[in-house]
């Protein structure tokens, strides 16, 4: 079974476009299609993503790690990936594509990763 992604509100939409150019079969749900809007709280985003078995992808390094730590005290999360704002779109898409190709959904339960390394 392949992993699927959920974009947070703050994720640059160009990253989603770029990863889907690598492989249109990648399941990457946008924030809008999940019903998120500006101001949707992190715990709600985490709960929605986890409930659908999706890895949450975000740029939020300020509040999301803290909310994630609190969330996994009582819930299971497929994973959270934070992509730094300074990482070029193409590099972000390459990392996400690599993760999609190489990892199974069970491999990174309750883990948070920050991707800030150029490909």
PDB file of N, CA and C in Angstrom:
ATOM      1  N   UNK A   1       0.840  -1.187   0.000  1.00  0.00           N
ATOM      2  CA  UNK A   1       0.000   0.000   0.000  1.00  0.00           C
ATOM      3  C   UNK A   1       0.884   1.249   0.000  1.00  0.00           C
ATOM      4  N   UNK A   2       0.544   2.209  -0.820  1.00  0.00           N
ATOM      5  CA  UNK A   2       1.304   3.451  -0.919  1.00  0.00           C
ATOM      6  C   UNK A   2       0.798   4.483   0.090  1.00  0.00           C
ATOM      7  N   UNK A   3       1.691   5.370   0.460  1.00  0.00           N
ATOM      8  CA  UNK A   3       1.305   6.447   1.363  1.00  0.00           C
ATOM      9  C   UNK A   3       0.514   7.505   0.612  1.00  0.00           C
ATOM     10  N   UNK A   4      -0.187   8.307   1.363  1.00  0.00           N
ATOM     11  CA  UNK A   4      -0.909   9.447   0.798  1.00  0.00           C
ATOM     12  C   UNK A   4      -0.588  10.669   1.653  1.00  0.00           C
ATOM     13  N   UNK A   5      -0.711  11.823   1.038  1.00  0.00           N
ATOM     14  CA  UNK A   5      -0.337  13.075   1.684  1.00  0.00           C
ATOM     15  C   UNK A   5      -1.549  13.971   1.887  1.00  0.00           C
ATOM     16  N   UNK A   6      -1.435  14.832   2.898  1.00  0.00           N
ATOM     17  CA  UNK A   6      -2.413  15.877   3.166  1.00  0.00           C
ATOM     18  C   UNK A   6      -1.663  17.192   3.310  1.00  0.00           C
ATOM     19  N   UNK A   7      -2.004  18.182   2.511  1.00  0.00           N
ATOM     20  CA  UNK A   7      -1.376  19.500   2.610  1.00  0.00           C
ATOM     21  C   UNK A   7      -2.005  20.304   3.738  1.00  0.00           C
ATOM     22  N   UNK A   8      -1.169  20.986   4.479  1.00  0.00           N
ATOM     23  CA  UNK A   8      -1.629  21.959   5.463  1.00  0.00           C
ATOM     24  C   UNK A   8      -1.945  23.258   4.714  1.00  0.00           C
ATOM     25  N   UNK A   9      -2.654  24.163   5.362  1.00  0.00           N
ATOM     26  CA  UNK A   9      -3.018  25.434   4.721  1.00  0.00           C
ATOM     27  C   UNK A   9      -1.825  26.221   4.220  1.00  0.00           C
ATOM     28  N   UNK A  10      -0.716  26.149   4.939  1.00  0.00           N
ATOM     29  CA  UNK A  10       0.417  26.992   4.592  1.00  0.00           C
ATOM     30  C   UNK A  10       1.342  26.389   3.537  1.00  0.00           C
ATOM     31  N   UNK A  11       1.073  25.169   3.094  1.00  0.00           N
ATOM     32  CA  UNK A  11       1.968  24.523   2.135  1.00  0.00           C
ATOM     33  C   UNK A  11       1.868  25.203   0.771  1.00  0.00           C
ATOM     34  N   UNK A  12       3.002  25.515   0.202  1.00  0.00           N
ATOM     35  CA  UNK A  12       3.078  26.127  -1.119  1.00  0.00           C
ATOM     36  C   UNK A  12       2.467  25.167  -2.144  1.00  0.00           C
ATOM     37  N   UNK A  13       1.409  25.598  -2.800  1.00  0.00           N
ATOM     38  CA  UNK A  13       0.698  24.744  -3.767  1.00  0.00           C
ATOM     39  C   UNK A  13       1.587  24.325  -4.928  1.00  0.00           C
ATOM     40  N   UNK A  14       2.635  25.085  -5.198  1.00  0.00           N
ATOM     41  CA  UNK A  14       3.549  24.708  -6.273  1.00  0.00           C
ATOM     42  C   UNK A  14       4.270  23.398  -5.968  1.00  0.00           C
ATOM     43  N   UNK A  15       4.433  23.081  -4.689  1.00  0.00           N
ATOM     44  CA  UNK A  15       5.054  21.805  -4.309  1.00  0.00           C
ATOM     45  C   UNK A  15       4.149  20.652  -4.731  1.00  0.00           C
ATOM     46  N   UNK A  16       2.852  20.797  -4.497  1.00  0.00           N
ATOM     47  CA  UNK A  16       1.905  19.752  -4.896  1.00  0.00           C
ATOM     48  C   UNK A  16       1.921  19.594  -6.411  1.00  0.00           C
ATOM     49  N   UNK A  17       1.888  20.695  -7.130  1.00  0.00           N
ATOM     50  CA  UNK A  17       1.932  20.634  -8.594  1.00  0.00           C
ATOM     51  C   UNK A  17       3.196  19.918  -9.074  1.00  0.00           C
ATOM     52  N   UNK A  18       4.326  20.241  -8.456  1.00  0.00           N
ATOM     53  CA  UNK A  18       5.599  19.654  -8.876  1.00  0.00           C
ATOM     54  C   UNK A  18       5.649  18.153  -8.605  1.00  0.00           C
ATOM     55  N   UNK A  19       5.187  17.717  -7.447  1.00  0.00           N
ATOM     56  CA  UNK A  19       5.241  16.282  -7.141  1.00  0.00           C
ATOM     57  C   UNK A  19       4.293  15.498  -8.048  1.00  0.00           C
ATOM     58  N   UNK A  20       3.165  16.095  -8.392  1.00  0.00           N
ATOM     59  CA  UNK A  20       2.235  15.407  -9.288  1.00  0.00           C
ATOM     60  C   UNK A  20       2.761  15.336 -10.717  1.00  0.00           C
ATOM     61  N   UNK A  21       3.690  16.225 -11.063  1.00  0.00           N
ATOM     62  CA  UNK A  21       4.349  16.093 -12.369  1.00  0.00           C
ATOM     63  C   UNK A  21       5.292  14.894 -12.371  1.00  0.00           C
ATOM     64  N   UNK A  22       5.908  14.590 -11.201  1.00  0.00           N
ATOM     65  CA  UNK A  22       6.733  13.381 -11.103  1.00  0.00           C
ATOM     66  C   UNK A  22       5.874  12.145 -11.331  1.00  0.00           C
ATOM     67  N   UNK A  23       4.715  12.138 -10.669  1.00  0.00           N
ATOM     68  CA  UNK A  23       3.848  10.975 -10.772  1.00  0.00           C
ATOM     69  C   UNK A  23       2.418  11.397 -10.432  1.00  0.00           C
ATOM     70  N   UNK A  24       1.552  11.475 -11.431  1.00  0.00           N
ATOM     71  CA  UNK A  24       0.171  11.898 -11.181  1.00  0.00           C
ATOM     72  C   UNK A  24      -0.622  10.915 -10.324  1.00  0.00           C
ATOM     73  N   UNK A  25      -0.104   9.719 -10.098  1.00  0.00           N
ATOM     74  CA  UNK A  25      -0.811   8.732  -9.277  1.00  0.00           C
ATOM     75  C   UNK A  25      -0.656   8.988  -7.780  1.00  0.00           C
ATOM     76  N   UNK A  26       0.228   9.903  -7.410  1.00  0.00           N
ATOM     77  CA  UNK A  26       0.430  10.205  -5.991  1.00  0.00           C
ATOM     78  C   UNK A  26      -0.834  10.859  -5.442  1.00  0.00           C
ATOM     79  N   UNK A  27      -1.287  10.349  -4.325  1.00  0.00           N
ATOM     80  CA  UNK A  27      -2.494  10.851  -3.673  1.00  0.00           C
ATOM     81  C   UNK A  27      -2.100  11.995  -2.733  1.00  0.00           C
ATOM     82  N   UNK A  28      -2.326  13.216  -3.174  1.00  0.00           N
ATOM     83  CA  UNK A  28      -1.937  14.400  -2.400  1.00  0.00           C
ATOM     84  C   UNK A  28      -3.145  15.319  -2.305  1.00  0.00           C
ATOM     85  N   UNK A  29      -3.798  15.288  -1.173  1.00  0.00           N
ATOM     86  CA  UNK A  29      -5.015  16.070  -0.962  1.00  0.00           C
ATOM     87  C   UNK A  29      -4.651  17.498  -0.555  1.00  0.00           C
ATOM     88  N   UNK A  30      -5.280  18.455  -1.205  1.00  0.00           N
ATOM     89  CA  UNK A  30      -5.029  19.856  -0.870  1.00  0.00           C
ATOM     90  C   UNK A  30      -5.760  20.236   0.415  1.00  0.00           C
ATOM     91  N   UNK A  31      -5.327  21.342   0.995  1.00  0.00           N
ATOM     92  CA  UNK A  31      -5.997  21.841   2.194  1.00  0.00           C
ATOM     93  C   UNK A  31      -7.450  22.188   1.896  1.00  0.00           C
ATOM     94  N   UNK A  32      -7.673  22.811   0.754  1.00  0.00           N
ATOM     95  CA  UNK A  32      -9.040  23.213   0.392  1.00  0.00           C
ATOM     96  C   UNK A  32      -9.949  22.004   0.235  1.00  0.00           C
ATOM     97  N   UNK A  33      -9.443  20.939  -0.386  1.00  0.00           N
ATOM     98  CA  UNK A  33     -10.304  19.763  -0.577  1.00  0.00           C
ATOM     99  C   UNK A  33     -10.576  19.024   0.734  1.00  0.00           C
ATOM    100  N   UNK A  34      -9.759  19.299   1.748  1.00  0.00           N
ATOM    101  CA  UNK A  34     -10.004  18.717   3.068  1.00  0.00           C
ATOM    102  C   UNK A  34     -10.919  19.606   3.908  1.00  0.00           C
ATOM    103  N   UNK A  35     -11.249  20.782   3.383  1.00  0.00           N
ATOM    104  CA  UNK A  35     -12.113  21.700   4.117  1.00  0.00           C
ATOM    105  C   UNK A  35     -11.357  22.608   5.067  1.00  0.00           C
ATOM    106  N   UNK A  36     -10.030  22.637   4.961  1.00  0.00           N
ATOM    107  CA  UNK A  36      -9.249  23.538   5.813  1.00  0.00           C
ATOM    108  C   UNK A  36      -9.325  24.949   5.248  1.00  0.00           C
ATOM    109  N   UNK A  37      -9.277  25.906   6.123  1.00  0.00           N
ATOM    110  CA  UNK A  37      -9.263  27.305   5.723  1.00  0.00           C
ATOM    111  C   UNK A  37      -8.252  28.017   6.601  1.00  0.00           C
ATOM    112  N   UNK A  38      -7.922  29.224   6.248  1.00  0.00           N
ATOM    113  CA  UNK A  38      -7.010  29.997   7.077  1.00  0.00           C
ATOM    114  C   UNK A  38      -7.603  30.073   8.475  1.00  0.00           C
ATOM    115  N   UNK A  39      -6.813  29.695   9.428  1.00  0.00           N
ATOM    116  CA  UNK A  39      -7.297  29.700  10.798  1.00  0.00           C
ATOM    117  C   UNK A  39      -7.717  28.336  11.318  1.00  0.00           C
ATOM    118  N   UNK A  40      -7.743  27.312  10.451  1.00  0.00           N
ATOM    119  CA  UNK A  40      -8.031  25.962  10.949  1.00  0.00           C
ATOM    120  C   UNK A  40      -6.911  25.584  11.908  1.00  0.00           C
ATOM    121  N   UNK A  41      -7.264  25.181  13.092  1.00  0.00           N
ATOM    122  CA  UNK A  41      -6.278  24.911  14.136  1.00  0.00           C
ATOM    123  C   UNK A  41      -5.509  23.616  13.878  1.00  0.00           C
ATOM    124  N   UNK A  42      -4.244  23.615  14.287  1.00  0.00           N
ATOM    125  CA  UNK A  42      -3.379  22.453  14.078  1.00  0.00           C
ATOM    126  C   UNK A  42      -3.986  21.144  14.590  1.00  0.00           C
ATOM    127  N   UNK A  43      -4.552  21.102  15.803  1.00  0.00           N
ATOM    128  CA  UNK A  43      -5.121  19.837  16.267  1.00  0.00           C
ATOM    129  C   UNK A  43      -6.201  19.280  15.331  1.00  0.00           C
ATOM    130  N   UNK A  44      -6.998  20.160  14.746  1.00  0.00           N
ATOM    131  CA  UNK A  44      -8.031  19.711  13.812  1.00  0.00           C
ATOM    132  C   UNK A  44      -7.399  19.170  12.523  1.00  0.00           C
ATOM    133  N   UNK A  45      -6.378  19.848  12.032  1.00  0.00           N
ATOM    134  CA  UNK A  45      -5.677  19.392  10.826  1.00  0.00           C
ATOM    135  C   UNK A  45      -5.026  18.036  11.086  1.00  0.00           C
ATOM    136  N   UNK A  46      -4.367  17.898  12.225  1.00  0.00           N
ATOM    137  CA  UNK A  46      -3.725  16.621  12.576  1.00  0.00           C
ATOM    138  C   UNK A  46      -4.751  15.497  12.687  1.00  0.00           C
ATOM    139  N   UNK A  47      -5.885  15.782  13.317  1.00  0.00           N
ATOM    140  CA  UNK A  47      -6.923  14.774  13.491  1.00  0.00           C
ATOM    141  C   UNK A  47      -7.489  14.332  12.136  1.00  0.00           C
ATOM    142  N   UNK A  48      -7.740  15.279  11.250  1.00  0.00           N
ATOM    143  CA  UNK A  48      -8.277  14.955   9.930  1.00  0.00           C
ATOM    144  C   UNK A  48      -7.283  14.107   9.132  1.00  0.00           C
ATOM    145  N   UNK A  49      -6.031  14.543   9.099  1.00  0.00           N
ATOM    146  CA  UNK A  49      -5.009  13.803   8.347  1.00  0.00           C
ATOM    147  C   UNK A  49      -4.846  12.393   8.909  1.00  0.00           C
ATOM    148  N   UNK A  50      -4.757  12.278  10.214  1.00  0.00           N
ATOM    149  CA  UNK A  50      -4.591  10.962  10.838  1.00  0.00           C
ATOM    150  C   UNK A  50      -5.809  10.078  10.601  1.00  0.00           C
ATOM    151  N   UNK A  51      -6.985  10.672  10.678  1.00  0.00           N
ATOM    152  CA  UNK A  51      -8.214   9.910  10.465  1.00  0.00           C
ATOM    153  C   UNK A  51      -8.306   9.307   9.074  1.00  0.00           C
ATOM    154  N   UNK A  52      -7.666   9.962   8.109  1.00  0.00           N
ATOM    155  CA  UNK A  52      -7.660   9.458   6.732  1.00  0.00           C
ATOM    156  C   UNK A  52      -6.376   8.715   6.402  1.00  0.00           C
ATOM    157  N   UNK A  53      -5.501   8.554   7.406  1.00  0.00           N
ATOM    158  CA  UNK A  53      -4.248   7.835   7.186  1.00  0.00           C
ATOM    159  C   UNK A  53      -3.278   8.571   6.279  1.00  0.00           C
ATOM    160  N   UNK A  54      -3.342   9.902   6.301  1.00  0.00           N
ATOM    161  CA  UNK A  54      -2.504  10.718   5.425  1.00  0.00           C
ATOM    162  C   UNK A  54      -1.352  11.352   6.197  1.00  0.00           C
ATOM    163  N   UNK A  55      -0.209  11.445   5.539  1.00  0.00           N
ATOM    164  CA  UNK A  55       0.936  12.160   6.083  1.00  0.00           C
ATOM    165  C   UNK A  55       0.679  13.651   5.880  1.00  0.00           C
ATOM    166  N   UNK A  56       0.755  14.413   6.951  1.00  0.00           N
ATOM    167  CA  UNK A  56       0.543  15.850   6.873  1.00  0.00           C
ATOM    168  C   UNK A  56       1.839  16.527   6.435  1.00  0.00           C
ATOM    169  N   UNK A  57       1.743  17.378   5.423  1.00  0.00           N
ATOM    170  CA  UNK A  57       2.903  18.116   4.915  1.00  0.00           C
ATOM    171  C   UNK A  57       2.643  19.600   5.129  1.00  0.00           C
ATOM    172  N   UNK A  58       3.604  20.284   5.751  1.00  0.00           N
ATOM    173  CA  UNK A  58       3.410  21.671   6.161  1.00  0.00           C
ATOM    174  C   UNK A  58       4.722  22.441   6.083  1.00  0.00           C
ATOM    175  N   UNK A  59       4.624  23.753   6.210  1.00  0.00           N
ATOM    176  CA  UNK A  59       5.794  24.618   6.384  1.00  0.00           C
ATOM    177  C   UNK A  59       5.888  25.103   7.833  1.00  0.00           C
ATOM    178  N   UNK A  60       4.914  24.778   8.651  1.00  0.00           N
ATOM    179  CA  UNK A  60       4.776  25.348   9.997  1.00  0.00           C
ATOM    180  C   UNK A  60       5.757  24.728  10.992  1.00  0.00           C
ATOM    181  N   UNK A  61       6.859  25.416  11.208  1.00  0.00           N
ATOM    182  CA  UNK A  61       7.844  24.961  12.199  1.00  0.00           C
ATOM    183  C   UNK A  61       7.597  25.580  13.568  1.00  0.00           C
ATOM    184  N   UNK A  62       6.724  26.558  13.619  1.00  0.00           N
ATOM    185  CA  UNK A  62       6.521  27.299  14.858  1.00  0.00           C
ATOM    186  C   UNK A  62       5.567  26.595  15.817  1.00  0.00           C
ATOM    187  N   UNK A  63       4.385  26.212  15.355  1.00  0.00           N
ATOM    188  CA  UNK A  63       3.390  25.642  16.273  1.00  0.00           C
ATOM    189  C   UNK A  63       3.113  24.159  16.034  1.00  0.00           C
ATOM    190  N   UNK A  64       3.289  23.685  14.811  1.00  0.00           N
ATOM    191  CA  UNK A  64       2.914  22.303  14.499  1.00  0.00           C
ATOM    192  C   UNK A  64       3.695  21.252  15.292  1.00  0.00           C
ATOM    193  N   UNK A  65       5.011  21.403  15.474  1.00  0.00           N
ATOM    194  CA  UNK A  65       5.725  20.373  16.263  1.00  0.00           C
ATOM    195  C   UNK A  65       5.166  20.213  17.680  1.00  0.00           C
ATOM    196  N   UNK A  66       4.843  21.319  18.317  1.00  0.00           N
ATOM    197  CA  UNK A  66       4.296  21.262  19.669  1.00  0.00           C
ATOM    198  C   UNK A  66       2.923  20.581  19.667  1.00  0.00           C
ATOM    199  N   UNK A  67       2.068  20.967  18.721  1.00  0.00           N
ATOM    200  CA  UNK A  67       0.745  20.344  18.639  1.00  0.00           C
ATOM    201  C   UNK A  67       0.856  18.867  18.274  1.00  0.00           C
ATOM    202  N   UNK A  68       1.810  18.518  17.427  1.00  0.00           N
ATOM    203  CA  UNK A  68       2.009  17.118  17.053  1.00  0.00           C
ATOM    204  C   UNK A  68       2.416  16.293  18.276  1.00  0.00           C
ATOM    205  N   UNK A  69       3.345  16.809  19.063  1.00  0.00           N
ATOM    206  CA  UNK A  69       3.778  16.097  20.278  1.00  0.00           C
ATOM    207  C   UNK A  69       2.606  15.851  21.221  1.00  0.00           C
ATOM    208  N   UNK A  70       1.759  16.829  21.356  1.00  0.00           N
ATOM    209  CA  UNK A  70       0.571  16.686  22.196  1.00  0.00           C
ATOM    210  C   UNK A  70      -0.410  15.686  21.587  1.00  0.00           C
ATOM    211  N   UNK A  71      -0.597  15.755  20.280  1.00  0.00           N
ATOM    212  CA  UNK A  71      -1.538  14.885  19.573  1.00  0.00           C
ATOM    213  C   UNK A  71      -1.178  13.408  19.735  1.00  0.00           C
ATOM    214  N   UNK A  72       0.101  13.069  19.581  1.00  0.00           N
ATOM    215  CA  UNK A  72       0.484  11.648  19.617  1.00  0.00           C
ATOM    216  C   UNK A  72       0.514  11.069  21.030  1.00  0.00           C
ATOM    217  N   UNK A  73       0.250  11.896  22.036  1.00  0.00           N
ATOM    218  CA  UNK A  73       0.095  11.356  23.386  1.00  0.00           C
ATOM    219  C   UNK A  73      -1.163  10.496  23.488  1.00  0.00           C
ATOM    220  N   UNK A  74      -2.172  10.824  22.678  1.00  0.00           N
ATOM    221  CA  UNK A  74      -3.447  10.103  22.758  1.00  0.00           C
ATOM    222  C   UNK A  74      -3.930   9.537  21.426  1.00  0.00           C
ATOM    223  N   UNK A  75      -3.225   9.849  20.334  1.00  0.00           N
ATOM    224  CA  UNK A  75      -3.624   9.399  19.000  1.00  0.00           C
ATOM    225  C   UNK A  75      -2.414   8.836  18.260  1.00  0.00           C
ATOM    226  N   UNK A  76      -2.695   8.180  17.162  1.00  0.00           N
ATOM    227  CA  UNK A  76      -1.639   7.728  16.269  1.00  0.00           C
ATOM    228  C   UNK A  76      -1.682   8.584  15.017  1.00  0.00           C
ATOM    229  N   UNK A  77      -0.507   8.962  14.548  1.00  0.00           N
ATOM    230  CA  UNK A  77      -0.404   9.764  13.337  1.00  0.00           C
ATOM    231  C   UNK A  77       0.494   9.056  12.340  1.00  0.00           C
ATOM    232  N   UNK A  78       0.114   9.057  11.060  1.00  0.00           N
ATOM    233  CA  UNK A  78       0.968   8.433  10.055  1.00  0.00           C
ATOM    234  C   UNK A  78       2.344   9.089   9.964  1.00  0.00           C
ATOM    235  N   UNK A  79       2.410  10.407  10.211  1.00  0.00           N
ATOM    236  CA  UNK A  79       3.676  11.117  10.115  1.00  0.00           C
ATOM    237  C   UNK A  79       3.368  12.581   9.825  1.00  0.00           C
ATOM    238  N   UNK A  80       4.283  13.452  10.186  1.00  0.00           N
ATOM    239  CA  UNK A  80       4.220  14.857   9.797  1.00  0.00           C
ATOM    240  C   UNK A  80       5.556  15.202   9.162  1.00  0.00           C
ATOM    241  N   UNK A  81       5.482  15.855   8.017  1.00  0.00           N
ATOM    242  CA  UNK A  81       6.679  16.329   7.328  1.00  0.00           C
ATOM    243  C   UNK A  81       6.586  17.843   7.245  1.00  0.00           C
ATOM    244  N   UNK A  82       7.605  18.492   7.785  1.00  0.00           N
ATOM    245  CA  UNK A  82       7.687  19.938   7.694  1.00  0.00           C
ATOM    246  C   UNK A  82       8.789  20.266   6.686  1.00  0.00           C
ATOM    247  N   UNK A  83       8.433  21.033   5.689  1.00  0.00           N
ATOM    248  CA  UNK A  83       9.374  21.453   4.659  1.00  0.00           C
ATOM    249  C   UNK A  83       9.718  22.908   4.936  1.00  0.00           C
ATOM    250  N   UNK A  84      10.990  23.201   5.095  1.00  0.00           N
ATOM    251  CA  UNK A  84      11.372  24.577   5.372  1.00  0.00           C
ATOM    252  C   UNK A  84      11.041  25.466   4.179  1.00  0.00           C
ATOM    253  N   UNK A  85      10.704  26.709   4.483  1.00  0.00           N
ATOM    254  CA  UNK A  85      10.333  27.677   3.443  1.00  0.00           C
ATOM    255  C   UNK A  85      11.499  27.953   2.496  1.00  0.00           C
ATOM    256  N   UNK A  86      12.727  27.788   2.984  1.00  0.00           N
ATOM    257  CA  UNK A  86      13.901  28.101   2.158  1.00  0.00           C
ATOM    258  C   UNK A  86      14.229  27.004   1.146  1.00  0.00           C
ATOM    259  N   UNK A  87      13.622  25.841   1.283  1.00  0.00           N
ATOM    260  CA  UNK A  87      13.898  24.743   0.358  1.00  0.00           C
ATOM    261  C   UNK A  87      13.207  25.016  -0.975  1.00  0.00           C
ATOM    262  N   UNK A  88      13.944  24.958  -2.084  1.00  0.00           N
ATOM    263  CA  UNK A  88      13.313  25.186  -3.382  1.00  0.00           C
ATOM    264  C   UNK A  88      12.181  24.186  -3.645  1.00  0.00           C
ATOM    265  N   UNK A  89      11.196  24.629  -4.389  1.00  0.00           N
ATOM    266  CA  UNK A  89      10.024  23.816  -4.697  1.00  0.00           C
ATOM    267  C   UNK A  89      10.433  22.480  -5.314  1.00  0.00           C
ATOM    268  N   UNK A  90      11.334  22.508  -6.270  1.00  0.00           N
ATOM    269  CA  UNK A  90      11.766  21.275  -6.926  1.00  0.00           C
ATOM    270  C   UNK A  90      12.393  20.288  -5.960  1.00  0.00           C
ATOM    271  N   UNK A  91      13.203  20.784  -5.028  1.00  0.00           N
ATOM    272  CA  UNK A  91      13.822  19.905  -4.040  1.00  0.00           C
ATOM    273  C   UNK A  91      12.773  19.313  -3.102  1.00  0.00           C
ATOM    274  N   UNK A  92      11.826  20.127  -2.685  1.00  0.00           N
ATOM    275  CA  UNK A  92      10.747  19.635  -1.819  1.00  0.00           C
ATOM    276  C   UNK A  92       9.978  18.525  -2.526  1.00  0.00           C
ATOM    277  N   UNK A  93       9.665  18.743  -3.792  1.00  0.00           N
ATOM    278  CA  UNK A  93       8.922  17.736  -4.556  1.00  0.00           C
ATOM    279  C   UNK A  93       9.737  16.457  -4.714  1.00  0.00           C
ATOM    280  N   UNK A  94      11.033  16.581  -4.943  1.00  0.00           N
ATOM    281  CA  UNK A  94      11.888  15.388  -5.072  1.00  0.00           C
ATOM    282  C   UNK A  94      11.912  14.585  -3.773  1.00  0.00           C
ATOM    283  N   UNK A  95      12.037  15.280  -2.629  1.00  0.00           N
ATOM    284  CA  UNK A  95      12.039  14.570  -1.348  1.00  0.00           C
ATOM    285  C   UNK A  95      10.717  13.846  -1.110  1.00  0.00           C
ATOM    286  N   UNK A  96       9.610  14.525  -1.365  1.00  0.00           N
ATOM    287  CA  UNK A  96       8.305  13.894  -1.155  1.00  0.00           C
ATOM    288  C   UNK A  96       8.104  12.720  -2.108  1.00  0.00           C
ATOM    289  N   UNK A  97       8.562  12.858  -3.325  1.00  0.00           N
ATOM    290  CA  UNK A  97       8.460  11.759  -4.285  1.00  0.00           C
ATOM    291  C   UNK A  97       9.295  10.571  -3.814  1.00  0.00           C
ATOM    292  N   UNK A  98      10.495  10.836  -3.331  1.00  0.00           N
ATOM    293  CA  UNK A  98      11.352   9.766  -2.815  1.00  0.00           C
ATOM    294  C   UNK A  98      10.685   9.054  -1.635  1.00  0.00           C
ATOM    295  N   UNK A  99      10.125   9.819  -0.735  1.00  0.00           N
ATOM    296  CA  UNK A  99       9.423   9.230   0.419  1.00  0.00           C
ATOM    297  C   UNK A  99       8.264   8.369  -0.066  1.00  0.00           C
ATOM    298  N   UNK A 100       7.509   8.864  -1.030  1.00  0.00           N
ATOM    299  CA  UNK A 100       6.374   8.112  -1.573  1.00  0.00           C
ATOM    300  C   UNK A 100       6.834   6.815  -2.227  1.00  0.00           C
ATOM    301  N   UNK A 101       7.947   6.874  -2.958  1.00  0.00           N
ATOM    302  CA  UNK A 101       8.474   5.683  -3.640  1.00  0.00           C
ATOM    303  C   UNK A 101       9.030   4.652  -2.664  1.00  0.00           C
ATOM    304  N   UNK A 102       9.699   5.122  -1.625  1.00  0.00           N
ATOM    305  CA  UNK A 102      10.506   4.223  -0.795  1.00  0.00           C
ATOM    306  C   UNK A 102       9.839   3.758   0.497  1.00  0.00           C
ATOM    307  N   UNK A 103       8.865   4.489   0.979  1.00  0.00           N
ATOM    308  CA  UNK A 103       8.333   4.200   2.312  1.00  0.00           C
ATOM    309  C   UNK A 103       6.932   3.633   2.255  1.00  0.00           C
ATOM    310  N   UNK A 104       6.644   2.782   3.224  1.00  0.00           N
ATOM    311  CA  UNK A 104       5.288   2.298   3.425  1.00  0.00           C
ATOM    312  C   UNK A 104       4.637   3.094   4.531  1.00  0.00           C
ATOM    313  N   UNK A 105       3.319   3.093   4.582  1.00  0.00           N
ATOM    314  CA  UNK A 105       2.627   3.924   5.580  1.00  0.00           C
ATOM    315  C   UNK A 105       2.932   3.543   7.027  1.00  0.00           C
ATOM    316  N   UNK A 106       3.302   2.303   7.259  1.00  0.00           N
ATOM    317  CA  UNK A 106       3.540   1.853   8.627  1.00  0.00           C
ATOM    318  C   UNK A 106       4.939   2.189   9.143  1.00  0.00           C
ATOM    319  N   UNK A 107       5.822   2.667   8.281  1.00  0.00           N
ATOM    320  CA  UNK A 107       7.223   2.831   8.646  1.00  0.00           C
ATOM    321  C   UNK A 107       7.528   4.035   9.523  1.00  0.00           C
ATOM    322  N   UNK A 108       6.679   5.022   9.531  1.00  0.00           N
ATOM    323  CA  UNK A 108       7.021   6.260  10.223  1.00  0.00           C
ATOM    324  C   UNK A 108       5.927   6.745  11.160  1.00  0.00           C
ATOM    325  N   UNK A 109       5.192   5.837  11.746  1.00  0.00           N
ATOM    326  CA  UNK A 109       4.114   6.230  12.655  1.00  0.00           C
ATOM    327  C   UNK A 109       4.639   7.134  13.761  1.00  0.00           C
ATOM    328  N   UNK A 110       3.887   8.180  14.022  1.00  0.00           N
ATOM    329  CA  UNK A 110       4.158   9.115  15.119  1.00  0.00           C
ATOM    330  C   UNK A 110       5.527   9.785  15.030  1.00  0.00           C
ATOM    331  N   UNK A 111       5.993  10.005  13.803  1.00  0.00           N
ATOM    332  CA  UNK A 111       7.276  10.688  13.612  1.00  0.00           C
ATOM    333  C   UNK A 111       7.068  12.023  12.917  1.00  0.00           C
ATOM    334  N   UNK A 112       7.890  12.973  13.299  1.00  0.00           N
ATOM    335  CA  UNK A 112       7.903  14.269  12.665  1.00  0.00           C
ATOM    336  C   UNK A 112       9.280  14.459  12.041  1.00  0.00           C
ATOM    337  N   UNK A 113       9.295  14.893  10.793  1.00  0.00           N
ATOM    338  CA  UNK A 113      10.546  15.152  10.079  1.00  0.00           C
ATOM    339  C   UNK A 113      10.553  16.574   9.594  1.00  0.00           C
ATOM    340  N   UNK A 114      11.719  17.177   9.632  1.00  0.00           N
ATOM    341  CA  UNK A 114      11.896  18.488   9.022  1.00  0.00           C
ATOM    342  C   UNK A 114      12.851  18.301   7.852  1.00  0.00           C
ATOM    343  N   UNK A 115      12.390  18.667   6.681  1.00  0.00           N
ATOM    344  CA  UNK A 115      13.215  18.534   5.473  1.00  0.00           C
ATOM    345  C   UNK A 115      13.738  19.916   5.122  1.00  0.00           C
ATOM    346  N   UNK A 116      15.064  20.046   5.194  1.00  0.00           N
ATOM    347  CA  UNK A 116      15.690  21.325   4.899  1.00  0.00           C
ATOM    348  C   UNK A 116      16.972  21.160   4.088  1.00  0.00           C
ATOM    349  N   UNK A 117      17.188  19.973   3.564  1.00  0.00           N
ATOM    350  CA  UNK A 117      18.415  19.674   2.843  1.00  0.00           C
ATOM    351  C   UNK A 117      18.133  19.682   1.347  1.00  0.00           C
ATOM    352  N   UNK A 118      18.957  20.400   0.614  1.00  0.00           N
ATOM    353  CA  UNK A 118      18.803  20.430  -0.845  1.00  0.00           C
ATOM    354  C   UNK A 118      19.075  19.056  -1.412  1.00  0.00           C
ATOM    355  N   UNK A 119      18.304  18.690  -2.401  1.00  0.00           N
ATOM    356  CA  UNK A 119      18.416  17.375  -3.031  1.00  0.00           C
ATOM    357  C   UNK A 119      19.682  17.281  -3.841  1.00  0.00           C
TER     358      UNK A 119
END
